[in-house]
Amino acid sequence: MFLFRKRPVMPSPADALPGRPNPIPTAETHFVNGNPLKGPYPAGIETIVLGLGCFWGAERRFWQLPRGVFVTAVGYAGGYTPNPTYEEVCTGQTGHNEVVLVAYDPAMLPLDALLRTFFESHNPTQGMRQGNDIGTQYRSGIYTNGPEQEAAAKAMRAAYAGALRARDFPDITTEIVPLKTFSFAEGYHQQYLAKNPAGYCGLGGTGVACPVGTGIAA
């Protein structure tokens, strides 16, 4: 997706594109399970926003989890431009990351298990890139809702950092910050790989496992 089109450097807020006051149109329901993308979500459902490279393959990784995910949606977070378009994000001048919103039931899918899927589905040591996809929109990031999510994410990052360091990987570059805004991406991006099964995925991984509650796996 738009390889090598821009420098992998975050713009300043003053240099970011101006954007627009209103959200861009998107799909109403999930193409795979029919649930509403924007809610309302059932009681007990929590949300977290995750960036792990191209959001087409990243979203599929989470909607394919066997239980506990109510809905997924792709969008943009971590930047400055209000209500950006995909084309604007691809310029590198919005500061946004391609991300997946995961609405999940923590009683069926504990947050630690969700974060384990996140870390084991991409290489979190590459900075402003994921594999051949280079740019600020492909950085590894966790955008949290509340202090409990932030603490869990930081603890999981520390566990994986130790496991990766033991295998001579570079340091983890995953940013963990409170979610300020999430902008839904255009409708054609939602569940893209369900609509286009042969489409580009882009996900890799490190092969390092860290099972929750058991320490670092060999």
N, C-alpha and C. Protein backbone atom coordinates (compact mmCIF):
# COMPACT_ATOMS: atom_id res chain seq x y z
N MET A 1 0.84 -1.20 0.00
CA MET A 1 0.00 0.00 0.00
C MET A 1 0.87 1.25 0.00
N PHE A 2 0.97 1.96 -1.10
CA PHE A 2 1.65 3.23 -1.18
C PHE A 2 3.06 3.17 -0.58
N LEU A 3 3.88 2.23 -1.10
CA LEU A 3 5.22 2.03 -0.56
C LEU A 3 6.12 3.22 -0.91
N PHE A 4 6.96 3.60 0.05
CA PHE A 4 8.03 4.56 -0.16
C PHE A 4 7.53 5.91 -0.70
N ARG A 5 6.36 6.36 -0.30
CA ARG A 5 5.84 7.60 -0.83
C ARG A 5 6.19 8.81 0.02
N LYS A 6 6.66 8.61 1.25
CA LYS A 6 6.92 9.75 2.10
C LYS A 6 7.97 9.40 3.14
N ARG A 7 8.54 10.42 3.75
CA ARG A 7 9.53 10.19 4.79
C ARG A 7 8.82 9.74 6.07
N PRO A 8 9.43 8.78 6.79
CA PRO A 8 8.80 8.30 8.02
C PRO A 8 9.09 9.21 9.21
N VAL A 9 8.62 10.44 9.12
CA VAL A 9 8.86 11.44 10.17
C VAL A 9 7.53 12.09 10.51
N MET A 10 7.21 12.15 11.79
CA MET A 10 5.97 12.78 12.21
C MET A 10 5.98 14.28 11.91
N PRO A 11 4.88 14.81 11.35
CA PRO A 11 4.79 16.26 11.18
C PRO A 11 4.52 16.92 12.52
N SER A 12 4.73 18.22 12.58
CA SER A 12 4.33 18.96 13.77
C SER A 12 2.85 19.30 13.65
N PRO A 13 2.19 19.57 14.76
CA PRO A 13 0.78 19.97 14.67
C PRO A 13 0.57 21.18 13.75
N ALA A 14 1.52 22.10 13.76
CA ALA A 14 1.38 23.30 12.93
C ALA A 14 1.49 22.99 11.45
N ASP A 15 2.21 21.91 11.11
CA ASP A 15 2.41 21.56 9.70
C ASP A 15 1.39 20.56 9.18
N ALA A 16 0.54 20.04 10.06
CA ALA A 16 -0.42 19.02 9.65
C ALA A 16 -1.48 19.60 8.73
N LEU A 17 -2.05 18.75 7.89
CA LEU A 17 -3.12 19.17 7.00
C LEU A 17 -4.34 19.63 7.80
N PRO A 18 -5.15 20.54 7.24
CA PRO A 18 -6.23 21.14 8.03
C PRO A 18 -7.41 20.23 8.30
N GLY A 19 -7.66 19.26 7.42
CA GLY A 19 -8.78 18.35 7.64
C GLY A 19 -10.12 19.02 7.43
N ARG A 20 -11.12 18.59 8.21
CA ARG A 20 -12.50 19.06 8.01
C ARG A 20 -13.28 18.92 9.32
N PRO A 21 -14.35 19.65 9.47
CA PRO A 21 -15.07 19.63 10.75
C PRO A 21 -15.92 18.40 10.98
N ASN A 22 -16.34 17.72 9.91
CA ASN A 22 -17.27 16.60 10.05
C ASN A 22 -16.61 15.27 9.66
N PRO A 23 -17.02 14.18 10.30
CA PRO A 23 -16.48 12.86 9.93
C PRO A 23 -16.79 12.51 8.48
N ILE A 24 -15.90 11.74 7.87
CA ILE A 24 -16.14 11.26 6.52
C ILE A 24 -17.11 10.08 6.58
N PRO A 25 -17.86 9.83 5.52
CA PRO A 25 -18.81 8.70 5.53
C PRO A 25 -18.09 7.36 5.65
N THR A 26 -18.74 6.40 6.28
CA THR A 26 -18.20 5.05 6.38
C THR A 26 -19.36 4.05 6.32
N ALA A 27 -19.05 2.78 6.48
CA ALA A 27 -20.09 1.75 6.48
C ALA A 27 -20.88 1.82 7.78
N GLU A 28 -22.09 1.28 7.75
CA GLU A 28 -22.92 1.26 8.95
C GLU A 28 -22.75 -0.02 9.75
N THR A 29 -22.54 -1.13 9.06
CA THR A 29 -22.44 -2.43 9.74
C THR A 29 -21.20 -3.18 9.30
N HIS A 30 -20.81 -4.14 10.14
CA HIS A 30 -19.65 -4.99 9.86
C HIS A 30 -20.00 -5.96 8.73
N PHE A 31 -19.16 -6.01 7.72
CA PHE A 31 -19.43 -6.84 6.55
C PHE A 31 -19.50 -8.32 6.89
N VAL A 32 -18.79 -8.75 7.94
CA VAL A 32 -18.72 -10.17 8.29
C VAL A 32 -19.82 -10.57 9.26
N ASN A 33 -20.00 -9.81 10.34
CA ASN A 33 -20.95 -10.26 11.36
C ASN A 33 -22.21 -9.40 11.46
N GLY A 34 -22.29 -8.33 10.71
CA GLY A 34 -23.50 -7.52 10.67
C GLY A 34 -23.71 -6.59 11.85
N ASN A 35 -22.81 -6.56 12.81
CA ASN A 35 -22.98 -5.69 13.96
C ASN A 35 -22.68 -4.23 13.59
N PRO A 36 -23.28 -3.28 14.31
CA PRO A 36 -23.07 -1.86 13.98
C PRO A 36 -21.64 -1.41 14.26
N LEU A 37 -21.03 -0.76 13.27
CA LEU A 37 -19.64 -0.33 13.46
C LEU A 37 -19.52 0.71 14.57
N LYS A 38 -20.43 1.66 14.57
CA LYS A 38 -20.32 2.78 15.51
C LYS A 38 -21.14 2.58 16.78
N GLY A 39 -21.75 1.44 16.94
CA GLY A 39 -22.58 1.20 18.10
C GLY A 39 -24.02 1.62 17.82
N PRO A 40 -24.83 1.60 18.87
CA PRO A 40 -24.43 1.35 20.26
C PRO A 40 -23.99 -0.09 20.50
N TYR A 41 -22.99 -0.24 21.36
CA TYR A 41 -22.50 -1.56 21.70
C TYR A 41 -23.23 -2.09 22.94
N PRO A 42 -23.35 -3.39 23.07
CA PRO A 42 -24.04 -3.96 24.24
C PRO A 42 -23.34 -3.61 25.55
N ALA A 43 -24.07 -3.69 26.61
CA ALA A 43 -23.51 -3.46 27.95
C ALA A 43 -22.36 -4.43 28.19
N GLY A 44 -21.29 -3.92 28.79
CA GLY A 44 -20.14 -4.76 29.10
C GLY A 44 -19.08 -4.78 28.02
N ILE A 45 -19.38 -4.26 26.84
CA ILE A 45 -18.40 -4.22 25.76
C ILE A 45 -17.43 -3.06 25.99
N GLU A 46 -16.14 -3.34 25.84
CA GLU A 46 -15.11 -2.31 25.95
C GLU A 46 -14.41 -2.15 24.60
N THR A 47 -13.72 -1.04 24.43
CA THR A 47 -13.02 -0.79 23.17
C THR A 47 -11.57 -0.43 23.43
N ILE A 48 -10.74 -0.79 22.48
CA ILE A 48 -9.34 -0.39 22.46
C ILE A 48 -8.95 -0.20 21.00
N VAL A 49 -7.98 0.66 20.74
CA VAL A 49 -7.56 0.99 19.39
C VAL A 49 -6.10 0.60 19.23
N LEU A 50 -5.80 -0.16 18.16
CA LEU A 50 -4.48 -0.77 17.98
C LEU A 50 -3.94 -0.49 16.58
N GLY A 51 -2.66 -0.13 16.51
CA GLY A 51 -1.99 0.08 15.23
C GLY A 51 -0.87 -0.93 15.07
N LEU A 52 -0.90 -1.69 13.99
CA LEU A 52 0.12 -2.71 13.75
C LEU A 52 0.40 -2.90 12.27
N GLY A 53 0.54 -1.78 11.57
CA GLY A 53 0.80 -1.86 10.14
C GLY A 53 -0.47 -1.65 9.34
N CYS A 54 -0.45 -2.06 8.09
CA CYS A 54 -1.59 -1.90 7.20
C CYS A 54 -2.87 -2.40 7.87
N PHE A 55 -3.88 -1.54 7.93
CA PHE A 55 -5.06 -1.92 8.72
C PHE A 55 -5.94 -2.97 8.07
N TRP A 56 -5.73 -3.29 6.80
CA TRP A 56 -6.53 -4.35 6.18
C TRP A 56 -6.28 -5.70 6.86
N GLY A 57 -5.02 -6.10 6.91
CA GLY A 57 -4.68 -7.38 7.52
C GLY A 57 -4.83 -7.35 9.02
N ALA A 58 -4.53 -6.20 9.63
CA ALA A 58 -4.63 -6.09 11.08
C ALA A 58 -6.07 -6.30 11.54
N GLU A 59 -7.02 -5.70 10.83
CA GLU A 59 -8.41 -5.87 11.25
C GLU A 59 -8.83 -7.33 11.16
N ARG A 60 -8.46 -8.00 10.08
CA ARG A 60 -8.86 -9.40 9.93
C ARG A 60 -8.34 -10.25 11.08
N ARG A 61 -7.13 -9.97 11.55
CA ARG A 61 -6.57 -10.76 12.64
C ARG A 61 -7.48 -10.73 13.86
N PHE A 62 -8.13 -9.61 14.10
CA PHE A 62 -8.96 -9.50 15.31
C PHE A 62 -10.38 -10.00 15.09
N TRP A 63 -10.98 -9.77 13.92
CA TRP A 63 -12.34 -10.30 13.75
C TRP A 63 -12.34 -11.82 13.64
N GLN A 64 -11.18 -12.41 13.35
CA GLN A 64 -11.09 -13.86 13.26
C GLN A 64 -10.82 -14.53 14.61
N LEU A 65 -10.65 -13.76 15.66
CA LEU A 65 -10.50 -14.39 16.97
C LEU A 65 -11.75 -15.21 17.29
N PRO A 66 -11.58 -16.36 17.93
CA PRO A 66 -12.71 -17.30 18.06
C PRO A 66 -13.85 -16.82 18.94
N ARG A 67 -13.59 -15.93 19.86
CA ARG A 67 -14.66 -15.49 20.75
C ARG A 67 -14.32 -14.14 21.35
N GLY A 68 -15.37 -13.41 21.72
CA GLY A 68 -15.20 -12.21 22.51
C GLY A 68 -15.16 -10.90 21.76
N VAL A 69 -15.05 -10.93 20.43
CA VAL A 69 -15.01 -9.69 19.66
C VAL A 69 -16.42 -9.39 19.13
N PHE A 70 -16.96 -8.23 19.53
CA PHE A 70 -18.28 -7.83 19.05
C PHE A 70 -18.21 -7.22 17.66
N VAL A 71 -17.25 -6.33 17.45
CA VAL A 71 -17.10 -5.70 16.15
C VAL A 71 -15.68 -5.15 16.03
N THR A 72 -15.21 -5.03 14.81
CA THR A 72 -13.95 -4.35 14.51
C THR A 72 -14.22 -3.28 13.47
N ALA A 73 -13.38 -2.27 13.45
CA ALA A 73 -13.48 -1.23 12.42
C ALA A 73 -12.11 -0.61 12.23
N VAL A 74 -11.81 -0.21 11.00
CA VAL A 74 -10.53 0.43 10.74
C VAL A 74 -10.72 1.94 10.71
N GLY A 75 -9.64 2.63 11.04
CA GLY A 75 -9.70 4.08 11.06
C GLY A 75 -8.34 4.70 11.30
N TYR A 76 -8.36 5.91 11.82
CA TYR A 76 -7.14 6.70 11.98
C TYR A 76 -7.10 7.28 13.39
N ALA A 77 -5.91 7.23 14.01
CA ALA A 77 -5.73 7.76 15.36
C ALA A 77 -4.29 8.19 15.54
N GLY A 78 -4.04 8.97 16.59
CA GLY A 78 -2.68 9.34 16.95
C GLY A 78 -2.13 10.53 16.19
N GLY A 79 -2.98 11.23 15.42
CA GLY A 79 -2.49 12.34 14.62
C GLY A 79 -3.13 13.66 15.00
N TYR A 80 -3.04 14.61 14.07
CA TYR A 80 -3.44 15.99 14.34
C TYR A 80 -4.59 16.46 13.45
N THR A 81 -4.67 15.97 12.23
CA THR A 81 -5.66 16.44 11.27
C THR A 81 -7.05 15.95 11.65
N PRO A 82 -8.04 16.82 11.82
CA PRO A 82 -9.38 16.35 12.17
C PRO A 82 -10.06 15.67 10.99
N ASN A 83 -10.64 14.52 11.26
CA ASN A 83 -11.43 13.78 10.26
C ASN A 83 -10.68 13.60 8.94
N PRO A 84 -9.51 12.95 8.97
CA PRO A 84 -8.71 12.84 7.74
C PRO A 84 -9.30 11.81 6.78
N THR A 85 -8.90 11.93 5.52
CA THR A 85 -9.19 10.91 4.52
C THR A 85 -7.99 9.99 4.40
N TYR A 86 -8.20 8.85 3.76
CA TYR A 86 -7.10 7.91 3.53
C TYR A 86 -5.98 8.56 2.71
N GLU A 87 -6.36 9.29 1.67
CA GLU A 87 -5.35 9.93 0.83
C GLU A 87 -4.53 10.93 1.63
N GLU A 88 -5.17 11.65 2.56
CA GLU A 88 -4.43 12.59 3.39
C GLU A 88 -3.49 11.87 4.34
N VAL A 89 -3.95 10.80 4.95
CA VAL A 89 -3.08 10.02 5.85
C VAL A 89 -1.87 9.50 5.10
N CYS A 90 -2.07 9.08 3.85
CA CYS A 90 -0.97 8.52 3.06
C CYS A 90 0.10 9.55 2.71
N THR A 91 -0.19 10.84 2.82
CA THR A 91 0.84 11.84 2.55
C THR A 91 1.85 11.93 3.68
N GLY A 92 1.51 11.39 4.85
CA GLY A 92 2.38 11.54 6.02
C GLY A 92 2.25 12.89 6.69
N GLN A 93 1.28 13.71 6.26
CA GLN A 93 1.14 15.06 6.81
C GLN A 93 -0.06 15.21 7.73
N THR A 94 -0.57 14.11 8.24
CA THR A 94 -1.63 14.20 9.25
C THR A 94 -1.16 13.71 10.61
N GLY A 95 -0.10 12.91 10.64
CA GLY A 95 0.39 12.32 11.88
C GLY A 95 -0.38 11.09 12.31
N HIS A 96 -1.40 10.70 11.55
CA HIS A 96 -2.24 9.58 11.95
C HIS A 96 -1.60 8.23 11.67
N ASN A 97 -2.06 7.28 12.43
CA ASN A 97 -1.70 5.88 12.27
C ASN A 97 -2.91 5.14 11.70
N GLU A 98 -2.68 4.13 10.87
CA GLU A 98 -3.74 3.22 10.47
C GLU A 98 -4.01 2.29 11.64
N VAL A 99 -5.24 2.26 12.12
CA VAL A 99 -5.54 1.53 13.34
C VAL A 99 -6.81 0.70 13.20
N VAL A 100 -6.97 -0.20 14.17
CA VAL A 100 -8.17 -1.03 14.27
C VAL A 100 -8.83 -0.77 15.62
N LEU A 101 -10.10 -0.42 15.59
CA LEU A 101 -10.89 -0.35 16.80
C LEU A 101 -11.45 -1.75 17.06
N VAL A 102 -11.21 -2.27 18.24
CA VAL A 102 -11.72 -3.58 18.63
C VAL A 102 -12.70 -3.38 19.78
N ALA A 103 -13.96 -3.72 19.54
CA ALA A 103 -14.98 -3.70 20.60
C ALA A 103 -15.13 -5.14 21.09
N TYR A 104 -14.82 -5.39 22.34
CA TYR A 104 -14.69 -6.76 22.82
C TYR A 104 -15.35 -6.92 24.19
N ASP A 105 -15.67 -8.16 24.50
CA ASP A 105 -16.25 -8.51 25.79
C ASP A 105 -15.14 -9.05 26.67
N PRO A 106 -14.69 -8.31 27.69
CA PRO A 106 -13.56 -8.77 28.52
C PRO A 106 -13.86 -10.03 29.32
N ALA A 107 -15.15 -10.36 29.48
CA ALA A 107 -15.48 -11.60 30.17
C ALA A 107 -15.18 -12.82 29.30
N MET A 108 -15.19 -12.63 27.99
CA MET A 108 -14.90 -13.72 27.06
C MET A 108 -13.51 -13.61 26.46
N LEU A 109 -13.00 -12.40 26.35
CA LEU A 109 -11.69 -12.15 25.76
C LEU A 109 -10.96 -11.16 26.67
N PRO A 110 -10.17 -11.66 27.63
CA PRO A 110 -9.45 -10.76 28.53
C PRO A 110 -8.51 -9.83 27.76
N LEU A 111 -8.32 -8.64 28.29
CA LEU A 111 -7.47 -7.67 27.62
C LEU A 111 -6.07 -8.21 27.39
N ASP A 112 -5.51 -8.94 28.34
CA ASP A 112 -4.17 -9.49 28.15
C ASP A 112 -4.11 -10.41 26.93
N ALA A 113 -5.15 -11.20 26.71
CA ALA A 113 -5.17 -12.08 25.55
C ALA A 113 -5.25 -11.27 24.26
N LEU A 114 -6.02 -10.20 24.29
CA LEU A 114 -6.12 -9.32 23.12
C LEU A 114 -4.78 -8.66 22.82
N LEU A 115 -4.09 -8.21 23.86
CA LEU A 115 -2.78 -7.59 23.67
C LEU A 115 -1.73 -8.60 23.21
N ARG A 116 -1.88 -9.83 23.65
CA ARG A 116 -0.97 -10.87 23.17
C ARG A 116 -1.13 -11.06 21.66
N THR A 117 -2.37 -11.08 21.18
CA THR A 117 -2.61 -11.17 19.74
C THR A 117 -1.97 -9.99 19.03
N PHE A 118 -2.11 -8.81 19.59
CA PHE A 118 -1.49 -7.61 19.01
C PHE A 118 0.02 -7.78 18.85
N PHE A 119 0.71 -8.12 19.92
CA PHE A 119 2.17 -8.19 19.86
C PHE A 119 2.67 -9.33 18.99
N GLU A 120 1.92 -10.41 18.92
CA GLU A 120 2.40 -11.57 18.16
C GLU A 120 1.97 -11.54 16.70
N SER A 121 1.25 -10.48 16.29
CA SER A 121 0.77 -10.39 14.92
C SER A 121 1.59 -9.43 14.07
N HIS A 122 2.60 -8.78 14.65
CA HIS A 122 3.42 -7.87 13.87
C HIS A 122 4.79 -7.76 14.54
N ASN A 123 5.68 -7.02 13.93
CA ASN A 123 7.00 -6.78 14.52
C ASN A 123 6.97 -5.39 15.16
N PRO A 124 6.95 -5.31 16.48
CA PRO A 124 6.81 -4.02 17.15
C PRO A 124 8.12 -3.28 17.36
N THR A 125 9.16 -3.65 16.62
CA THR A 125 10.48 -3.04 16.83
C THR A 125 10.93 -2.17 15.66
N GLN A 126 10.06 -1.89 14.72
CA GLN A 126 10.50 -1.30 13.45
C GLN A 126 10.28 0.20 13.32
N GLY A 127 9.79 0.85 14.35
CA GLY A 127 9.61 2.29 14.26
C GLY A 127 8.49 2.66 13.30
N MET A 128 8.78 3.58 12.40
CA MET A 128 7.76 4.10 11.48
C MET A 128 7.64 3.22 10.24
N ARG A 129 7.43 1.95 10.47
CA ARG A 129 7.27 1.03 9.34
C ARG A 129 6.72 -0.29 9.86
N GLN A 130 6.28 -1.12 8.92
CA GLN A 130 5.97 -2.51 9.19
C GLN A 130 6.30 -3.27 7.93
N GLY A 131 7.44 -3.99 7.98
CA GLY A 131 7.90 -4.68 6.78
C GLY A 131 8.25 -3.69 5.68
N ASN A 132 7.68 -3.91 4.49
CA ASN A 132 7.93 -3.02 3.36
C ASN A 132 7.07 -1.76 3.37
N ASP A 133 6.12 -1.68 4.29
CA ASP A 133 5.27 -0.50 4.40
C ASP A 133 5.97 0.53 5.28
N ILE A 134 6.34 1.65 4.69
CA ILE A 134 7.13 2.65 5.40
C ILE A 134 6.33 3.94 5.52
N GLY A 135 6.30 4.49 6.72
CA GLY A 135 5.61 5.75 6.94
C GLY A 135 5.02 5.81 8.33
N THR A 136 4.66 6.99 8.76
CA THR A 136 4.14 7.18 10.10
C THR A 136 2.83 6.42 10.31
N GLN A 137 2.11 6.16 9.26
CA GLN A 137 0.81 5.48 9.40
C GLN A 137 0.94 3.99 9.69
N TYR A 138 2.16 3.47 9.64
CA TYR A 138 2.38 2.03 9.87
C TYR A 138 3.08 1.74 11.19
N ARG A 139 3.15 2.71 12.08
CA ARG A 139 3.86 2.51 13.34
C ARG A 139 3.04 1.63 14.29
N SER A 140 3.74 1.02 15.21
CA SER A 140 3.11 0.18 16.23
C SER A 140 2.58 1.07 17.34
N GLY A 141 1.29 0.90 17.67
CA GLY A 141 0.73 1.76 18.70
C GLY A 141 -0.48 1.15 19.39
N ILE A 142 -0.62 1.47 20.66
CA ILE A 142 -1.78 1.08 21.46
C ILE A 142 -2.39 2.37 22.01
N TYR A 143 -3.66 2.61 21.71
CA TYR A 143 -4.34 3.84 22.08
C TYR A 143 -5.44 3.46 23.07
N THR A 144 -5.23 3.82 24.32
CA THR A 144 -5.97 3.23 25.43
C THR A 144 -7.15 4.09 25.87
N ASN A 145 -8.13 3.41 26.48
CA ASN A 145 -9.27 4.06 27.11
C ASN A 145 -9.20 3.79 28.61
N GLY A 146 -8.58 4.69 29.35
CA GLY A 146 -8.54 4.57 30.79
C GLY A 146 -7.24 4.00 31.34
N PRO A 147 -7.00 4.23 32.62
CA PRO A 147 -5.73 3.83 33.25
C PRO A 147 -5.52 2.32 33.32
N GLU A 148 -6.59 1.54 33.42
CA GLU A 148 -6.41 0.08 33.49
C GLU A 148 -5.87 -0.45 32.17
N GLN A 149 -6.41 0.01 31.06
CA GLN A 149 -5.87 -0.42 29.77
C GLN A 149 -4.43 0.04 29.60
N GLU A 150 -4.14 1.25 30.02
CA GLU A 150 -2.77 1.77 29.87
C GLU A 150 -1.78 0.93 30.68
N ALA A 151 -2.14 0.60 31.92
CA ALA A 151 -1.25 -0.20 32.76
C ALA A 151 -1.05 -1.59 32.18
N ALA A 152 -2.12 -2.21 31.69
CA ALA A 152 -2.01 -3.55 31.11
C ALA A 152 -1.15 -3.52 29.86
N ALA A 153 -1.31 -2.50 29.03
CA ALA A 153 -0.54 -2.40 27.80
C ALA A 153 0.94 -2.21 28.11
N LYS A 154 1.26 -1.37 29.09
CA LYS A 154 2.66 -1.14 29.42
C LYS A 154 3.30 -2.38 30.03
N ALA A 155 2.55 -3.12 30.83
CA ALA A 155 3.07 -4.36 31.40
C ALA A 155 3.33 -5.39 30.31
N MET A 156 2.42 -5.49 29.36
CA MET A 156 2.60 -6.45 28.28
C MET A 156 3.77 -6.04 27.38
N ARG A 157 3.90 -4.75 27.12
CA ARG A 157 5.04 -4.28 26.32
C ARG A 157 6.36 -4.62 27.01
N ALA A 158 6.43 -4.44 28.31
CA ALA A 158 7.66 -4.76 29.04
C ALA A 158 7.97 -6.26 28.97
N ALA A 159 6.94 -7.10 29.06
CA ALA A 159 7.16 -8.55 28.98
C ALA A 159 7.71 -8.94 27.62
N TYR A 160 7.11 -8.40 26.56
CA TYR A 160 7.59 -8.74 25.22
C TYR A 160 8.96 -8.12 24.94
N ALA A 161 9.23 -6.95 25.51
CA ALA A 161 10.55 -6.33 25.32
C ALA A 161 11.65 -7.25 25.83
N GLY A 162 11.41 -7.85 26.99
CA GLY A 162 12.41 -8.77 27.52
C GLY A 162 12.57 -10.00 26.66
N ALA A 163 11.45 -10.55 26.17
CA ALA A 163 11.53 -11.74 25.32
C ALA A 163 12.25 -11.44 24.01
N LEU A 164 11.97 -10.30 23.43
CA LEU A 164 12.61 -9.94 22.16
C LEU A 164 14.08 -9.62 22.35
N ARG A 165 14.40 -8.96 23.45
CA ARG A 165 15.80 -8.64 23.72
C ARG A 165 16.62 -9.91 23.88
N ALA A 166 16.04 -10.92 24.49
CA ALA A 166 16.75 -12.19 24.67
C ALA A 166 17.03 -12.88 23.35
N ARG A 167 16.29 -12.53 22.31
CA ARG A 167 16.47 -13.11 20.98
C ARG A 167 17.16 -12.15 20.03
N ASP A 168 17.78 -11.10 20.60
CA ASP A 168 18.57 -10.13 19.85
C ASP A 168 17.76 -9.28 18.89
N PHE A 169 16.48 -9.09 19.18
CA PHE A 169 15.70 -8.12 18.43
C PHE A 169 16.03 -6.71 18.95
N PRO A 170 15.78 -5.68 18.14
CA PRO A 170 15.91 -4.31 18.65
C PRO A 170 14.85 -4.02 19.71
N ASP A 171 14.95 -2.84 20.30
CA ASP A 171 13.98 -2.44 21.31
C ASP A 171 12.59 -2.25 20.68
N ILE A 172 11.57 -2.49 21.48
CA ILE A 172 10.20 -2.25 21.03
C ILE A 172 9.96 -0.76 20.87
N THR A 173 9.28 -0.39 19.80
CA THR A 173 8.97 1.01 19.52
C THR A 173 7.48 1.32 19.67
N THR A 174 6.70 0.37 20.15
CA THR A 174 5.25 0.56 20.29
C THR A 174 4.94 1.76 21.18
N GLU A 175 4.18 2.71 20.66
CA GLU A 175 3.74 3.83 21.49
C GLU A 175 2.46 3.44 22.22
N ILE A 176 2.37 3.85 23.47
CA ILE A 176 1.17 3.61 24.28
C ILE A 176 0.73 4.95 24.81
N VAL A 177 -0.40 5.44 24.30
CA VAL A 177 -0.90 6.76 24.68
C VAL A 177 -2.41 6.70 24.82
N PRO A 178 -2.98 7.57 25.64
CA PRO A 178 -4.44 7.63 25.73
C PRO A 178 -5.04 8.02 24.38
N LEU A 179 -6.14 7.39 24.04
CA LEU A 179 -6.83 7.71 22.80
C LEU A 179 -7.48 9.08 22.91
N LYS A 180 -7.16 9.95 21.97
CA LYS A 180 -7.81 11.27 21.93
C LYS A 180 -9.01 11.23 20.98
N THR A 181 -8.76 10.83 19.76
CA THR A 181 -9.86 10.71 18.80
C THR A 181 -9.61 9.48 17.91
N PHE A 182 -10.70 8.89 17.48
CA PHE A 182 -10.66 7.81 16.49
C PHE A 182 -11.58 8.23 15.36
N SER A 183 -11.03 8.25 14.15
CA SER A 183 -11.82 8.60 12.96
C SER A 183 -12.02 7.35 12.13
N PHE A 184 -13.28 7.00 11.87
CA PHE A 184 -13.56 5.83 11.04
C PHE A 184 -13.06 6.07 9.62
N ALA A 185 -12.40 5.05 9.07
CA ALA A 185 -11.96 5.11 7.68
C ALA A 185 -13.15 4.95 6.73
N GLU A 186 -12.90 5.23 5.48
CA GLU A 186 -13.92 5.12 4.45
C GLU A 186 -14.52 3.71 4.40
N GLY A 187 -15.74 3.62 3.92
CA GLY A 187 -16.45 2.36 3.93
C GLY A 187 -15.75 1.25 3.18
N TYR A 188 -15.07 1.56 2.08
CA TYR A 188 -14.44 0.48 1.30
C TYR A 188 -13.27 -0.15 2.02
N HIS A 189 -12.73 0.55 3.04
CA HIS A 189 -11.64 -0.04 3.82
C HIS A 189 -12.15 -1.00 4.90
N GLN A 190 -13.38 -0.86 5.30
CA GLN A 190 -13.91 -1.68 6.40
C GLN A 190 -14.01 -3.14 5.96
N GLN A 191 -13.37 -4.03 6.76
CA GLN A 191 -13.36 -5.47 6.48
C GLN A 191 -12.91 -5.73 5.04
N TYR A 192 -11.88 -5.02 4.63
CA TYR A 192 -11.43 -5.05 3.24
C TYR A 192 -11.10 -6.47 2.77
N LEU A 193 -10.44 -7.25 3.61
CA LEU A 193 -10.02 -8.58 3.17
C LEU A 193 -11.16 -9.60 3.16
N ALA A 194 -12.28 -9.28 3.78
CA ALA A 194 -13.47 -10.12 3.61
C ALA A 194 -14.10 -9.85 2.25
N LYS A 195 -14.04 -8.61 1.81
CA LYS A 195 -14.59 -8.24 0.50
C LYS A 195 -13.62 -8.58 -0.63
N ASN A 196 -12.33 -8.59 -0.32
CA ASN A 196 -11.28 -8.84 -1.32
C ASN A 196 -10.31 -9.87 -0.75
N PRO A 197 -10.68 -11.16 -0.75
CA PRO A 197 -9.88 -12.19 -0.08
C PRO A 197 -8.44 -12.29 -0.57
N ALA A 198 -8.18 -11.90 -1.80
CA ALA A 198 -6.81 -11.97 -2.33
C ALA A 198 -6.07 -10.65 -2.16
N GLY A 199 -6.63 -9.73 -1.39
CA GLY A 199 -6.01 -8.42 -1.22
C GLY A 199 -4.77 -8.46 -0.36
N TYR A 200 -4.09 -7.32 -0.33
CA TYR A 200 -2.83 -7.19 0.39
C TYR A 200 -3.06 -7.27 1.89
N CYS A 201 -2.21 -8.04 2.58
CA CYS A 201 -2.33 -8.18 4.03
C CYS A 201 -1.24 -7.39 4.75
N GLY A 202 0.01 -7.74 4.54
CA GLY A 202 1.11 -6.97 5.10
C GLY A 202 1.53 -7.33 6.51
N LEU A 203 0.81 -8.21 7.19
CA LEU A 203 1.19 -8.57 8.55
C LEU A 203 2.31 -9.57 8.56
N GLY A 204 3.24 -9.35 9.47
CA GLY A 204 4.28 -10.34 9.72
C GLY A 204 4.24 -10.73 11.17
N GLY A 205 5.38 -10.74 11.82
CA GLY A 205 5.44 -11.10 13.23
C GLY A 205 6.87 -11.41 13.59
N THR A 206 7.12 -11.63 14.87
CA THR A 206 8.46 -11.93 15.34
C THR A 206 8.65 -13.40 15.68
N GLY A 207 7.55 -14.12 15.82
CA GLY A 207 7.64 -15.52 16.24
C GLY A 207 7.88 -15.69 17.71
N VAL A 208 7.83 -14.59 18.47
CA VAL A 208 8.05 -14.65 19.92
C VAL A 208 6.71 -14.73 20.61
N ALA A 209 6.53 -15.74 21.45
CA ALA A 209 5.28 -15.90 22.20
C ALA A 209 5.52 -15.58 23.66
N CYS A 210 4.51 -15.01 24.30
CA CYS A 210 4.58 -14.69 25.72
C CYS A 210 3.23 -15.03 26.33
N PRO A 211 2.94 -16.31 26.56
CA PRO A 211 1.62 -16.69 27.06
C PRO A 211 1.27 -16.00 28.36
N VAL A 212 0.07 -15.48 28.40
CA VAL A 212 -0.39 -14.77 29.60
C VAL A 212 -0.38 -15.70 30.79
N GLY A 213 0.26 -15.24 31.86
CA GLY A 213 0.24 -15.98 33.11
C GLY A 213 1.28 -17.07 33.22
N THR A 214 2.08 -17.28 32.17
CA THR A 214 3.07 -18.35 32.22
C THR A 214 4.48 -17.85 32.00
N GLY A 215 4.66 -16.53 31.85
CA GLY A 215 5.98 -16.03 31.58
C GLY A 215 6.33 -16.10 30.11
N ILE A 216 7.58 -16.02 29.80
CA ILE A 216 8.04 -15.96 28.41
C ILE A 216 8.27 -17.37 27.88
N ALA A 217 7.66 -17.65 26.73
CA ALA A 217 7.81 -18.97 26.13
C ALA A 217 9.13 -19.08 25.40
N ALA A 218 9.66 -20.29 25.37
CA ALA A 218 10.90 -20.52 24.61
C ALA A 218 10.57 -20.65 23.15
